[in-house]
Amino acid sequence: MDFLFHKVSEKEKEEIKREAKEIMDKFSKKISKIDKKIPEPLIERKDFERVEEEYNKDELKLDFRERMFENAPSKNKDFIIAEKKKW
C-alpha cells in the first residue's frame, strides 16, 4: 500500500503536464477536422416528448417490494436475508 502515498516529484509533475497537453492538442486537431454541420433528424414524429403518466405511488412501492422479494435468494416473511461482505 506504500504506492498509494508515493510523492510525485516536480519532474514527474512537469512530465504529466506535458503529456496531458500533448494528448489534448492531438485531440483538438482531430476534432477540428470533424464536419461541424449536424444533419437534420431522419425521423419526424408528431409527438416527440415523453408524457409522464399519473401513477399510484403506494401501488408502485408495493410492486417494487414484491419484485425485490421474488428475486431475493434468502428471505423470511418481512426481511431479505443478506450476507455482509468482508473486504
Protein backbone atom coordinates (compact mmCIF):
# COMPACT_ATOMS: atom_id res chain seq x y z
CA MET A 1 0.00 0.00 0.00
CA ASP A 2 3.04 2.27 0.09
CA PHE A 3 2.49 3.10 -3.57
CA LEU A 4 -0.69 4.99 -2.63
CA PHE A 5 1.37 7.53 -0.73
CA HIS A 6 4.10 7.95 -3.33
CA LYS A 7 5.02 11.60 -3.52
CA VAL A 8 5.19 12.94 -7.07
CA SER A 9 8.36 14.87 -7.80
CA GLU A 10 8.37 18.20 -9.63
CA LYS A 11 9.98 16.48 -12.62
CA GLU A 12 7.14 13.88 -12.72
CA LYS A 13 4.52 16.65 -12.40
CA GLU A 14 6.01 18.50 -15.37
CA GLU A 15 6.14 15.27 -17.41
CA ILE A 16 2.47 14.58 -16.62
CA LYS A 17 1.51 18.13 -17.61
CA ARG A 18 3.48 17.85 -20.86
CA GLU A 19 1.86 14.50 -21.75
CA ALA A 20 -1.62 15.82 -20.90
CA LYS A 21 -1.09 18.90 -23.09
CA GLU A 22 0.18 16.72 -25.93
CA ILE A 23 -2.91 14.47 -25.70
CA MET A 24 -5.26 17.48 -25.61
CA ASP A 25 -3.51 19.11 -28.59
CA LYS A 26 -3.79 15.90 -30.65
CA PHE A 27 -7.46 15.56 -29.69
CA SER A 28 -8.13 19.21 -30.61
CA LYS A 29 -6.56 18.72 -34.05
CA LYS A 30 -8.63 15.59 -34.69
CA ILE A 31 -11.88 17.13 -33.53
CA SER A 32 -11.32 20.30 -35.58
CA LYS A 33 -11.38 18.14 -38.73
CA ILE A 34 -14.88 16.86 -37.99
CA ASP A 35 -17.66 18.43 -40.03
CA LYS A 36 -19.44 20.72 -37.61
CA LYS A 37 -22.71 20.69 -39.51
CA ILE A 38 -25.23 18.47 -37.73
CA PRO A 39 -27.63 16.75 -40.11
CA GLU A 40 -31.36 17.01 -39.66
CA PRO A 41 -33.01 14.01 -37.99
CA LEU A 42 -34.20 11.38 -40.43
CA ILE A 43 -37.37 10.61 -38.49
CA GLU A 44 -40.04 13.17 -37.84
CA ARG A 45 -42.64 12.47 -35.22
CA LYS A 46 -45.84 14.20 -34.30
CA ASP A 47 -45.23 13.56 -30.59
CA PHE A 48 -41.59 13.77 -29.60
CA GLU A 49 -41.70 14.22 -25.84
CA ARG A 50 -42.44 11.58 -23.27
CA VAL A 51 -45.60 12.19 -21.30
CA GLU A 52 -45.49 11.15 -17.68
CA GLU A 53 -48.47 9.14 -16.62
CA GLU A 54 -50.07 9.54 -13.25
CA TYR A 55 -49.28 6.57 -11.04
CA ASN A 56 -50.47 5.47 -7.68
CA LYS A 57 -47.25 5.72 -5.69
CA ASP A 58 -48.38 3.32 -2.98
CA GLU A 59 -49.13 0.72 -5.64
CA LEU A 60 -45.67 1.20 -7.18
CA LYS A 61 -43.97 0.80 -3.80
CA LEU A 62 -45.88 -2.43 -3.19
CA ASP A 63 -45.00 -3.72 -6.67
CA PHE A 64 -41.31 -2.88 -6.10
CA ARG A 65 -41.35 -4.68 -2.75
CA GLU A 66 -42.96 -7.77 -4.27
CA ARG A 67 -40.41 -7.87 -7.12
CA MET A 68 -37.50 -7.47 -4.70
CA PHE A 69 -38.75 -10.33 -2.55
CA GLU A 70 -39.31 -12.52 -5.60
CA ASN A 71 -35.68 -12.01 -6.67
CA ALA A 72 -34.11 -12.42 -3.23
CA PRO A 73 -32.47 -15.83 -2.74
CA SER A 74 -32.86 -15.78 1.07
CA LYS A 75 -35.83 -14.19 2.77
CA ASN A 76 -38.36 -14.64 5.52
CA LYS A 77 -41.79 -13.07 5.95
CA ASP A 78 -40.74 -9.41 6.15
CA PHE A 79 -37.00 -9.32 5.52
CA ILE A 80 -34.42 -10.11 2.87
CA ILE A 81 -31.57 -12.04 4.48
CA ALA A 82 -28.20 -10.86 3.21
CA GLU A 83 -24.57 -11.56 3.99
CA LYS A 84 -22.22 -8.79 4.96
CA LYS A 85 -19.25 -8.76 2.62
CA LYS A 86 -15.83 -8.94 4.26
CA TRP A 87 -13.21 -6.88 2.44
